[in-house]
Amino acid sequence: EVLENLSMIKNIIPQDSASYKDNLLKIQPDFVIHGDDWQFGYQKKYRT
């Protein structure tokens, strides 16, 4: 509900895993935007 009030967002869908795989295969976006904090540490595998 909070995000629906932000003008920058067109669509909101559930991401049911820390992995982005299912949603990316479905949408096949031209760009994925993320903070650079996942270059190291536990989330690095999701970035790869």
All heavy atoms as atom14 arrays in JSON, in Angstrom:
{
  "sequence": "EVLENLSMIKNIIPQDSASYKDNLLKIQPDFVIHGDDWQFGYQKKYRT",
  "atom14_mask": [
    [1, 1, 1, 1, 1, 1, 1, 1, 1, 0, 0, 0, 0, 0],
    [1, 1, 1, 1, 1, 1, 1, 0, 0, 0, 0, 0, 0, 0],
    [1, 1, 1, 1, 1, 1, 1, 1, 0, 0, 0, 0, 0, 0],
    [1, 1, 1, 1, 1, 1, 1, 1, 1, 0, 0, 0, 0, 0],
    [1, 1, 1, 1, 1, 1, 1, 1, 0, 0, 0, 0, 0, 0],
    [1, 1, 1, 1, 1, 1, 1, 1, 0, 0, 0, 0, 0, 0],
    [1, 1, 1, 1, 1, 1, 0, 0, 0, 0, 0, 0, 0, 0],
    [1, 1, 1, 1, 1, 1, 1, 1, 0, 0, 0, 0, 0, 0],
    [1, 1, 1, 1, 1, 1, 1, 1, 0, 0, 0, 0, 0, 0],
    [1, 1, 1, 1, 1, 1, 1, 1, 1, 0, 0, 0, 0, 0],
    [1, 1, 1, 1, 1, 1, 1, 1, 0, 0, 0, 0, 0, 0],
    [1, 1, 1, 1, 1, 1, 1, 1, 0, 0, 0, 0, 0, 0],
    [1, 1, 1, 1, 1, 1, 1, 1, 0, 0, 0, 0, 0, 0],
    [1, 1, 1, 1, 1, 1, 1, 0, 0, 0, 0, 0, 0, 0],
    [1, 1, 1, 1, 1, 1, 1, 1, 1, 0, 0, 0, 0, 0],
    [1, 1, 1, 1, 1, 1, 1, 1, 0, 0, 0, 0, 0, 0],
    [1, 1, 1, 1, 1, 1, 0, 0, 0, 0, 0, 0, 0, 0],
    [1, 1, 1, 1, 1, 0, 0, 0, 0, 0, 0, 0, 0, 0],
    [1, 1, 1, 1, 1, 1, 0, 0, 0, 0, 0, 0, 0, 0],
    [1, 1, 1, 1, 1, 1, 1, 1, 1, 1, 1, 1, 0, 0],
    [1, 1, 1, 1, 1, 1, 1, 1, 1, 0, 0, 0, 0, 0],
    [1, 1, 1, 1, 1, 1, 1, 1, 0, 0, 0, 0, 0, 0],
    [1, 1, 1, 1, 1, 1, 1, 1, 0, 0, 0, 0, 0, 0],
    [1, 1, 1, 1, 1, 1, 1, 1, 0, 0, 0, 0, 0, 0],
    [1, 1, 1, 1, 1, 1, 1, 1, 0, 0, 0, 0, 0, 0],
    [1, 1, 1, 1, 1, 1, 1, 1, 1, 0, 0, 0, 0, 0],
    [1, 1, 1, 1, 1, 1, 1, 1, 0, 0, 0, 0, 0, 0],
    [1, 1, 1, 1, 1, 1, 1, 1, 1, 0, 0, 0, 0, 0],
    [1, 1, 1, 1, 1, 1, 1, 0, 0, 0, 0, 0, 0, 0],
    [1, 1, 1, 1, 1, 1, 1, 1, 0, 0, 0, 0, 0, 0],
    [1, 1, 1, 1, 1, 1, 1, 1, 1, 1, 1, 0, 0, 0],
    [1, 1, 1, 1, 1, 1, 1, 0, 0, 0, 0, 0, 0, 0],
    [1, 1, 1, 1, 1, 1, 1, 1, 0, 0, 0, 0, 0, 0],
    [1, 1, 1, 1, 1, 1, 1, 1, 1, 1, 0, 0, 0, 0],
    [1, 1, 1, 1, 0, 0, 0, 0, 0, 0, 0, 0, 0, 0],
    [1, 1, 1, 1, 1, 1, 1, 1, 0, 0, 0, 0, 0, 0],
    [1, 1, 1, 1, 1, 1, 1, 1, 0, 0, 0, 0, 0, 0],
    [1, 1, 1, 1, 1, 1, 1, 1, 1, 1, 1, 1, 1, 1],
    [1, 1, 1, 1, 1, 1, 1, 1, 1, 0, 0, 0, 0, 0],
    [1, 1, 1, 1, 1, 1, 1, 1, 1, 1, 1, 0, 0, 0],
    [1, 1, 1, 1, 0, 0, 0, 0, 0, 0, 0, 0, 0, 0],
    [1, 1, 1, 1, 1, 1, 1, 1, 1, 1, 1, 1, 0, 0],
    [1, 1, 1, 1, 1, 1, 1, 1, 1, 0, 0, 0, 0, 0],
    [1, 1, 1, 1, 1, 1, 1, 1, 1, 0, 0, 0, 0, 0],
    [1, 1, 1, 1, 1, 1, 1, 1, 1, 0, 0, 0, 0, 0],
    [1, 1, 1, 1, 1, 1, 1, 1, 1, 1, 1, 1, 0, 0],
    [1, 1, 1, 1, 1, 1, 1, 1, 1, 1, 1, 0, 0, 0],
    [1, 1, 1, 1, 1, 1, 1, 0, 0, 0, 0, 0, 0, 0]
  ],
  "atom14_positions": [
    [[0.82, -1.21, 0.0], [0.0, 0.0, 0.0], [0.86, 1.26, 0.0], [0.53, 2.26, -0.67], [-0.93, -0.01, 1.21], [-1.95, 1.12, 1.23], [-2.9, 1.03, 2.41], [-2.94, -0.02, 3.08], [-3.62, 2.02, 2.65], [0.0, 0.0, 0.0], [0.0, 0.0, 0.0], [0.0, 0.0, 0.0], [0.0, 0.0, 0.0], [0.0, 0.0, 0.0]],
    [[1.96, 1.23, 0.72], [2.88, 2.37, 0.76], [3.48, 2.6, -0.63], [3.5, 3.72, -1.16], [3.99, 2.16, 1.8], [5.04, 3.27, 1.69], [3.4, 2.14, 3.21], [0.0, 0.0, 0.0], [0.0, 0.0, 0.0], [0.0, 0.0, 0.0], [0.0, 0.0, 0.0], [0.0, 0.0, 0.0], [0.0, 0.0, 0.0], [0.0, 0.0, 0.0]],
    [[3.97, 1.52, -1.24], [4.64, 1.65, -2.54], [3.7, 2.07, -3.65], [4.1, 2.73, -4.61], [5.31, 0.31, -2.91], [6.47, -0.14, -2.02], [7.05, -1.45, -2.53], [7.57, 0.92, -1.94], [0.0, 0.0, 0.0], [0.0, 0.0, 0.0], [0.0, 0.0, 0.0], [0.0, 0.0, 0.0], [0.0, 0.0, 0.0], [0.0, 0.0, 0.0]],
    [[2.42, 1.7, -3.54], [1.44, 2.06, -4.57], [1.24, 3.57, -4.67], [0.73, 4.06, -5.68], [0.09, 1.38, -4.26], [0.08, -0.11, -4.6], [-1.19, -0.8, -4.14], [-1.86, -0.27, -3.23], [-1.5, -1.89, -4.66], [0.0, 0.0, 0.0], [0.0, 0.0, 0.0], [0.0, 0.0, 0.0], [0.0, 0.0, 0.0], [0.0, 0.0, 0.0]],
    [[1.66, 4.3, -3.66], [1.52, 5.75, -3.67], [2.76, 6.48, -4.18], [2.81, 7.71, -4.13], [1.18, 6.24, -2.26], [-0.24, 5.88, -1.85], [-1.19, 6.54, -2.23], [-0.39, 4.81, -1.07], [0.0, 0.0, 0.0], [0.0, 0.0, 0.0], [0.0, 0.0, 0.0], [0.0, 0.0, 0.0], [0.0, 0.0, 0.0], [0.0, 0.0, 0.0]],
    [[3.74, 5.7, -4.66], [4.95, 6.31, -5.21], [4.83, 6.37, -6.74], [4.62, 5.35, -7.4], [6.19, 5.51, -4.8], [6.46, 5.44, -3.29], [7.72, 4.62, -3.02], [6.62, 6.84, -2.7], [0.0, 0.0, 0.0], [0.0, 0.0, 0.0], [0.0, 0.0, 0.0], [0.0, 0.0, 0.0], [0.0, 0.0, 0.0], [0.0, 0.0, 0.0]],
    [[4.99, 7.56, -7.28], [4.77, 7.79, -8.71], [5.81, 7.09, -9.59], [5.57, 6.87, -10.78], [4.77, 9.29, -9.01], [6.03, 9.86, -8.65], [0.0, 0.0, 0.0], [0.0, 0.0, 0.0], [0.0, 0.0, 0.0], [0.0, 0.0, 0.0], [0.0, 0.0, 0.0], [0.0, 0.0, 0.0], [0.0, 0.0, 0.0], [0.0, 0.0, 0.0]],
    [[6.97, 6.75, -9.03], [8.03, 6.13, -9.85], [7.7, 4.69, -10.23], [8.32, 4.12, -11.12], [9.36, 6.14, -9.07], [9.81, 7.53, -8.65], [9.1, 8.01, -7.06], [10.11, 7.12, -5.92], [0.0, 0.0, 0.0], [0.0, 0.0, 0.0], [0.0, 0.0, 0.0], [0.0, 0.0, 0.0], [0.0, 0.0, 0.0], [0.0, 0.0, 0.0]],
    [[6.73, 4.09, -9.54], [6.47, 2.66, -9.7], [5.24, 2.44, -10.59], [4.18, 3.02, -10.35], [6.25, 1.99, -8.33], [7.49, 2.16, -7.45], [5.9, 0.52, -8.49], [7.29, 1.74, -6.02], [0.0, 0.0, 0.0], [0.0, 0.0, 0.0], [0.0, 0.0, 0.0], [0.0, 0.0, 0.0], [0.0, 0.0, 0.0], [0.0, 0.0, 0.0]],
    [[5.38, 1.57, -11.6], [4.27, 1.24, -12.49], [3.53, -0.02, -12.02], [2.3, -0.06, -11.98], [4.8, 1.03, -13.91], [3.74, 0.65, -14.93], [2.76, 1.78, -15.19], [1.8, 1.41, -16.29], [0.8, 2.48, -16.55], [0.0, 0.0, 0.0], [0.0, 0.0, 0.0], [0.0, 0.0, 0.0], [0.0, 0.0, 0.0], [0.0, 0.0, 0.0]],
    [[4.29, -1.05, -11.67], [3.69, -2.33, -11.27], [4.35, -2.85, -9.99], [5.55, -2.61, -9.76], [3.86, -3.4, -12.36], [3.3, -2.95, -13.69], [2.12, -2.66, -13.8], [4.15, -2.9, -14.71], [0.0, 0.0, 0.0], [0.0, 0.0, 0.0], [0.0, 0.0, 0.0], [0.0, 0.0, 0.0], [0.0, 0.0, 0.0], [0.0, 0.0, 0.0]],
    [[3.58, -3.59, -9.19], [4.12, -4.25, -8.0], [3.7, -5.71, -8.05], [2.51, -6.02, -8.16], [3.6, -3.6, -6.7], [3.99, -2.12, -6.63], [4.14, -4.35, -5.48], [3.38, -1.37, -5.45], [0.0, 0.0, 0.0], [0.0, 0.0, 0.0], [0.0, 0.0, 0.0], [0.0, 0.0, 0.0], [0.0, 0.0, 0.0], [0.0, 0.0, 0.0]],
    [[4.69, -6.61, -7.99], [4.4, -8.04, -7.99], [5.14, -8.69, -6.81], [6.15, -8.16, -6.34], [4.82, -8.71, -9.32], [6.33, -8.59, -9.53], [4.05, -8.12, -10.49], [6.83, -9.38, -10.72], [0.0, 0.0, 0.0], [0.0, 0.0, 0.0], [0.0, 0.0, 0.0], [0.0, 0.0, 0.0], [0.0, 0.0, 0.0], [0.0, 0.0, 0.0]],
    [[4.66, -9.82, -6.31], [5.37, -10.48, -5.21], [6.66, -11.15, -5.68], [6.69, -11.74, -6.77], [4.36, -11.51, -4.7], [3.45, -11.76, -5.85], [3.39, -10.49, -6.64], [0.0, 0.0, 0.0], [0.0, 0.0, 0.0], [0.0, 0.0, 0.0], [0.0, 0.0, 0.0], [0.0, 0.0, 0.0], [0.0, 0.0, 0.0], [0.0, 0.0, 0.0]],
    [[7.7, -11.02, -4.9], [8.92, -11.82, -5.11], [8.97, -12.81, -3.96], [9.2, -12.44, -2.82], [10.18, -10.94, -5.15], [11.44, -11.78, -5.36], [12.66, -10.96, -5.76], [12.55, -10.01, -6.54], [13.82, -11.32, -5.24], [0.0, 0.0, 0.0], [0.0, 0.0, 0.0], [0.0, 0.0, 0.0], [0.0, 0.0, 0.0], [0.0, 0.0, 0.0]],
    [[8.79, -14.09, -4.27], [8.57, -15.1, -3.25], [9.85, -15.8, -2.81], [9.8, -16.77, -2.08], [7.56, -16.14, -3.75], [6.89, -16.88, -2.61], [6.62, -16.26, -1.58], [6.63, -18.1, -2.76], [0.0, 0.0, 0.0], [0.0, 0.0, 0.0], [0.0, 0.0, 0.0], [0.0, 0.0, 0.0], [0.0, 0.0, 0.0], [0.0, 0.0, 0.0]],
    [[10.98, -15.3, -3.26], [12.27, -15.88, -2.88], [13.33, -14.8, -2.89], [13.19, -13.78, -3.58], [12.66, -17.0, -3.85], [13.99, -17.41, -3.64], [0.0, 0.0, 0.0], [0.0, 0.0, 0.0], [0.0, 0.0, 0.0], [0.0, 0.0, 0.0], [0.0, 0.0, 0.0], [0.0, 0.0, 0.0], [0.0, 0.0, 0.0], [0.0, 0.0, 0.0]],
    [[14.39, -15.01, -2.11], [15.5, -14.06, -2.16], [16.18, -14.11, -3.52], [16.84, -13.16, -3.94], [16.51, -14.37, -1.05], [0.0, 0.0, 0.0], [0.0, 0.0, 0.0], [0.0, 0.0, 0.0], [0.0, 0.0, 0.0], [0.0, 0.0, 0.0], [0.0, 0.0, 0.0], [0.0, 0.0, 0.0], [0.0, 0.0, 0.0], [0.0, 0.0, 0.0]],
    [[16.01, -15.22, -4.23], [16.48, -15.33, -5.61], [15.54, -14.55, -6.53], [14.32, -14.61, -6.39], [16.52, -16.8, -6.04], [16.64, -16.92, -7.43], [0.0, 0.0, 0.0], [0.0, 0.0, 0.0], [0.0, 0.0, 0.0], [0.0, 0.0, 0.0], [0.0, 0.0, 0.0], [0.0, 0.0, 0.0], [0.0, 0.0, 0.0], [0.0, 0.0, 0.0]],
    [[16.11, -13.87, -7.51], [15.33, -13.08, -8.47], [14.9, -13.9, -9.68], [14.2, -13.41, -10.56], [16.17, -11.9, -8.96], [16.34, -10.76, -7.98], [16.86, -10.96, -6.71], [15.99, -9.47, -8.33], [17.02, -9.93, -5.82], [16.15, -8.41, -7.45], [16.66, -8.65, -6.19], [16.81, -7.6, -5.32], [0.0, 0.0, 0.0], [0.0, 0.0, 0.0]],
    [[15.32, -15.15, -9.74], [15.23, -15.95, -10.96], [13.82, -16.01, -11.55], [13.6, -15.71, -12.73], [15.74, -17.36, -10.68], [15.76, -18.26, -11.92], [16.37, -19.61, -11.62], [16.42, -20.48, -12.86], [17.04, -21.8, -12.58], [0.0, 0.0, 0.0], [0.0, 0.0, 0.0], [0.0, 0.0, 0.0], [0.0, 0.0, 0.0], [0.0, 0.0, 0.0]],
    [[12.83, -16.41, -10.73], [11.48, -16.62, -11.26], [10.9, -15.36, -11.89], [10.36, -15.38, -13.0], [10.55, -17.13, -10.15], [10.87, -18.55, -9.74], [11.6, -19.23, -10.49], [10.42, -18.98, -8.66], [0.0, 0.0, 0.0], [0.0, 0.0, 0.0], [0.0, 0.0, 0.0], [0.0, 0.0, 0.0], [0.0, 0.0, 0.0], [0.0, 0.0, 0.0]],
    [[11.03, -14.24, -11.19], [10.46, -12.99, -11.71], [11.22, -12.47, -12.91], [10.63, -11.92, -13.85], [10.42, -11.92, -10.61], [9.26, -12.12, -9.65], [8.44, -13.03, -9.82], [9.15, -11.27, -8.64], [0.0, 0.0, 0.0], [0.0, 0.0, 0.0], [0.0, 0.0, 0.0], [0.0, 0.0, 0.0], [0.0, 0.0, 0.0], [0.0, 0.0, 0.0]],
    [[12.53, -12.63, -12.91], [13.31, -12.14, -14.05], [13.01, -12.96, -15.32], [12.91, -12.39, -16.42], [14.81, -12.19, -13.74], [15.32, -11.23, -12.66], [16.85, -11.17, -12.69], [14.74, -9.83, -12.83], [0.0, 0.0, 0.0], [0.0, 0.0, 0.0], [0.0, 0.0, 0.0], [0.0, 0.0, 0.0], [0.0, 0.0, 0.0], [0.0, 0.0, 0.0]],
    [[12.86, -14.26, -15.17], [12.53, -15.09, -16.34], [11.15, -14.74, -16.89], [10.91, -14.8, -18.1], [12.59, -16.57, -15.96], [13.99, -17.15, -15.73], [13.9, -18.58, -15.22], [14.82, -17.1, -17.02], [0.0, 0.0, 0.0], [0.0, 0.0, 0.0], [0.0, 0.0, 0.0], [0.0, 0.0, 0.0], [0.0, 0.0, 0.0], [0.0, 0.0, 0.0]],
    [[10.24, -14.37, -15.99], [8.89, -14.02, -16.42], [8.84, -12.66, -17.11], [8.18, -12.49, -18.13], [7.96, -14.04, -15.2], [6.51, -13.72, -15.5], [5.61, -14.09, -14.32], [6.03, -13.34, -13.07], [5.14, -13.66, -11.91], [0.0, 0.0, 0.0], [0.0, 0.0, 0.0], [0.0, 0.0, 0.0], [0.0, 0.0, 0.0], [0.0, 0.0, 0.0]],
    [[9.56, -11.69, -16.56], [9.49, -10.32, -17.08], [10.55, -10.04, -18.15], [10.32, -9.3, -19.1], [9.66, -9.31, -15.91], [8.51, -9.46, -14.92], [9.73, -7.87, -16.41], [8.72, -8.67, -13.64], [0.0, 0.0, 0.0], [0.0, 0.0, 0.0], [0.0, 0.0, 0.0], [0.0, 0.0, 0.0], [0.0, 0.0, 0.0], [0.0, 0.0, 0.0]],
    [[11.73, -10.65, -17.99], [12.89, -10.38, -18.84], [13.13, -8.88, -18.99], [13.05, -8.3, -20.09], [12.71, -11.04, -20.21], [12.66, -12.55, -20.14], [12.87, -13.24, -21.47], [13.16, -12.59, -22.49], [12.75, -14.54, -21.48], [0.0, 0.0, 0.0], [0.0, 0.0, 0.0], [0.0, 0.0, 0.0], [0.0, 0.0, 0.0], [0.0, 0.0, 0.0]],
    [[13.45, -8.19, -17.88], [13.62, -6.73, -17.93], [14.89, -6.34, -18.66], [15.85, -7.11, -18.75], [13.72, -6.38, -16.44], [14.31, -7.59, -15.79], [13.71, -8.75, -16.54], [0.0, 0.0, 0.0], [0.0, 0.0, 0.0], [0.0, 0.0, 0.0], [0.0, 0.0, 0.0], [0.0, 0.0, 0.0], [0.0, 0.0, 0.0], [0.0, 0.0, 0.0]],
    [[14.86, -5.11, -19.17], [16.06, -4.57, -19.81], [17.09, -4.17, -18.75], [18.29, -4.22, -19.01], [15.68, -3.35, -20.66], [14.69, -3.71, -21.75], [15.11, -4.34, -22.73], [13.49, -3.38, -21.59], [0.0, 0.0, 0.0], [0.0, 0.0, 0.0], [0.0, 0.0, 0.0], [0.0, 0.0, 0.0], [0.0, 0.0, 0.0], [0.0, 0.0, 0.0]],
    [[16.57, -3.75, -17.57], [17.47, -3.29, -16.51], [17.0, -3.86, -15.16], [15.8, -3.97, -14.9], [17.48, -1.76, -16.4], [17.93, -1.07, -17.67], [17.0, -0.57, -18.57], [19.27, -0.91, -17.95], [17.39, 0.07, -19.73], [19.68, -0.27, -19.12], [18.74, 0.22, -20.01], [0.0, 0.0, 0.0], [0.0, 0.0, 0.0], [0.0, 0.0, 0.0]],
    [[17.98, -4.2, -14.33], [17.72, -4.48, -12.92], [18.51, -3.45, -12.11], [19.71, -3.25, -12.35], [18.17, -5.91, -12.52], [18.1, -6.09, -11.0], [17.3, -6.95, -13.21], [0.0, 0.0, 0.0], [0.0, 0.0, 0.0], [0.0, 0.0, 0.0], [0.0, 0.0, 0.0], [0.0, 0.0, 0.0], [0.0, 0.0, 0.0], [0.0, 0.0, 0.0]],
    [[17.82, -2.79, -11.21], [18.45, -1.76, -10.38], [18.57, -2.28, -8.95], [17.6, -2.82, -8.39], [17.62, -0.46, -10.38], [17.2, -0.07, -11.8], [18.41, 0.67, -9.71], [18.33, 0.29, -12.72], [0.0, 0.0, 0.0], [0.0, 0.0, 0.0], [0.0, 0.0, 0.0], [0.0, 0.0, 0.0], [0.0, 0.0, 0.0], [0.0, 0.0, 0.0]],
    [[19.75, -2.12, -8.36], [19.97, -2.59, -6.99], [21.07, -1.74, -6.36], [21.94, -1.2, -7.05], [20.38, -4.06, -6.98], [20.23, -4.75, -5.66], [21.09, -4.53, -4.6], [19.3, -5.64, -5.22], [20.69, -5.27, -3.57], [19.61, -5.95, -3.91], [0.0, 0.0, 0.0], [0.0, 0.0, 0.0], [0.0, 0.0, 0.0], [0.0, 0.0, 0.0]],
    [[21.06, -1.65, -5.04], [22.17, -1.01, -4.34], [23.44, -1.85, -4.49], [23.38, -3.06, -4.71], [0.0, 0.0, 0.0], [0.0, 0.0, 0.0], [0.0, 0.0, 0.0], [0.0, 0.0, 0.0], [0.0, 0.0, 0.0], [0.0, 0.0, 0.0], [0.0, 0.0, 0.0], [0.0, 0.0, 0.0], [0.0, 0.0, 0.0], [0.0, 0.0, 0.0]],
    [[24.6, -1.21, -4.37], [25.86, -1.94, -4.58], [26.3, -2.72, -3.35], [27.39, -3.3, -3.32], [26.97, -0.98, -5.03], [27.31, 0.08, -3.98], [26.71, 0.06, -2.89], [28.18, 0.93, -4.25], [0.0, 0.0, 0.0], [0.0, 0.0, 0.0], [0.0, 0.0, 0.0], [0.0, 0.0, 0.0], [0.0, 0.0, 0.0], [0.0, 0.0, 0.0]],
    [[25.45, -2.78, -2.31], [25.81, -3.47, -1.07], [25.86, -4.98, -1.23], [26.41, -5.68, -0.38], [24.83, -3.11, 0.05], [23.39, -3.37, -0.32], [22.97, -2.9, -1.4], [22.66, -4.02, 0.46], [0.0, 0.0, 0.0], [0.0, 0.0, 0.0], [0.0, 0.0, 0.0], [0.0, 0.0, 0.0], [0.0, 0.0, 0.0], [0.0, 0.0, 0.0]],
    [[25.28, -5.53, -2.3], [25.27, -6.99, -2.46], [26.46, -7.51, -3.25], [26.49, -8.68, -3.63], [23.95, -7.45, -3.07], [23.68, -7.04, -4.5], [24.31, -6.08, -5.24], [22.7, -7.63, -5.36], [23.77, -6.0, -6.5], [22.78, -6.95, -6.6], [21.76, -8.64, -5.22], [21.95, -7.25, -7.68], [20.94, -8.94, -6.29], [21.03, -8.26, -7.5]],
    [[27.45, -6.65, -3.49], [28.66, -7.11, -4.18], [29.51, -8.01, -3.3], [30.37, -8.75, -3.77], [29.49, -5.9, -4.65], [28.81, -5.08, -5.72], [29.64, -3.89, -6.17], [30.78, -3.73, -5.76], [29.06, -3.06, -7.02], [0.0, 0.0, 0.0], [0.0, 0.0, 0.0], [0.0, 0.0, 0.0], [0.0, 0.0, 0.0], [0.0, 0.0, 0.0]],
    [[29.27, -7.94, -1.99], [30.02, -8.75, -1.04], [29.04, -9.38, -0.05], [27.9, -8.93, 0.09], [31.05, -7.9, -0.28], [31.95, -7.1, -1.18], [31.67, -5.77, -1.46], [33.07, -7.67, -1.76], [32.48, -5.02, -2.3], [33.89, -6.94, -2.6], [33.6, -5.61, -2.87], [0.0, 0.0, 0.0], [0.0, 0.0, 0.0], [0.0, 0.0, 0.0]],
    [[29.48, -10.4, 0.63], [28.66, -10.99, 1.68], [27.66, -12.01, 1.18], [27.74, -12.52, 0.04], [0.0, 0.0, 0.0], [0.0, 0.0, 0.0], [0.0, 0.0, 0.0], [0.0, 0.0, 0.0], [0.0, 0.0, 0.0], [0.0, 0.0, 0.0], [0.0, 0.0, 0.0], [0.0, 0.0, 0.0], [0.0, 0.0, 0.0], [0.0, 0.0, 0.0]],
    [[26.67, -12.28, 2.01], [25.72, -13.37, 1.79], [24.9, -13.2, 0.52], [24.54, -14.18, -0.13], [24.8, -13.48, 3.01], [23.8, -14.6, 2.94], [24.22, -15.91, 2.84], [22.43, -14.36, 2.96], [23.31, -16.96, 2.78], [21.52, -15.39, 2.9], [21.97, -16.7, 2.81], [21.06, -17.72, 2.74], [0.0, 0.0, 0.0], [0.0, 0.0, 0.0]],
    [[24.58, -11.95, 0.14], [23.73, -11.73, -1.03], [24.49, -11.77, -2.36], [23.87, -11.66, -3.42], [23.01, -10.38, -0.9], [21.97, -10.33, 0.2], [21.09, -9.11, 0.07], [20.39, -8.93, -0.92], [21.15, -8.25, 1.07], [0.0, 0.0, 0.0], [0.0, 0.0, 0.0], [0.0, 0.0, 0.0], [0.0, 0.0, 0.0], [0.0, 0.0, 0.0]],
    [[25.78, -11.94, -2.29], [26.58, -11.95, -3.51], [26.12, -13.02, -4.49], [26.13, -12.83, -5.72], [28.06, -12.16, -3.16], [29.0, -12.09, -4.35], [30.45, -12.27, -3.92], [31.38, -12.23, -5.12], [32.8, -12.43, -4.71], [0.0, 0.0, 0.0], [0.0, 0.0, 0.0], [0.0, 0.0, 0.0], [0.0, 0.0, 0.0], [0.0, 0.0, 0.0]],
    [[25.67, -14.18, -3.96], [25.24, -15.28, -4.84], [24.0, -14.89, -5.65], [23.84, -15.33, -6.79], [24.95, -16.53, -4.01], [23.87, -16.38, -2.96], [23.74, -17.65, -2.12], [22.69, -17.49, -1.04], [22.61, -18.71, -0.18], [0.0, 0.0, 0.0], [0.0, 0.0, 0.0], [0.0, 0.0, 0.0], [0.0, 0.0, 0.0], [0.0, 0.0, 0.0]],
    [[23.13, -14.04, -5.06], [21.94, -13.6, -5.8], [22.34, -12.62, -6.9], [21.75, -12.61, -7.99], [20.94, -12.96, -4.85], [20.48, -13.89, -3.75], [20.7, -13.58, -2.41], [19.86, -15.1, -4.04], [20.3, -14.44, -1.39], [19.46, -15.97, -3.04], [19.68, -15.64, -1.72], [19.29, -16.49, -0.72], [0.0, 0.0, 0.0], [0.0, 0.0, 0.0]],
    [[23.33, -11.8, -6.63], [23.83, -10.87, -7.65], [24.42, -11.64, -8.83], [24.15, -11.31, -10.01], [24.9, -9.96, -7.04], [25.53, -8.97, -8.02], [26.59, -8.13, -7.32], [27.12, -7.11, -8.2], [28.18, -7.28, -8.99], [28.82, -8.45, -9.02], [28.6, -6.28, -9.76], [0.0, 0.0, 0.0], [0.0, 0.0, 0.0], [0.0, 0.0, 0.0]],
    [[25.22, -12.67, -8.54], [25.82, -13.49, -9.6], [24.74, -14.13, -10.46], [24.85, -14.16, -11.7], [26.7, -14.59, -8.97], [27.74, -13.97, -8.2], [27.33, -15.46, -10.05], [0.0, 0.0, 0.0], [0.0, 0.0, 0.0], [0.0, 0.0, 0.0], [0.0, 0.0, 0.0], [0.0, 0.0, 0.0], [0.0, 0.0, 0.0], [0.0, 0.0, 0.0]]
  ]
}
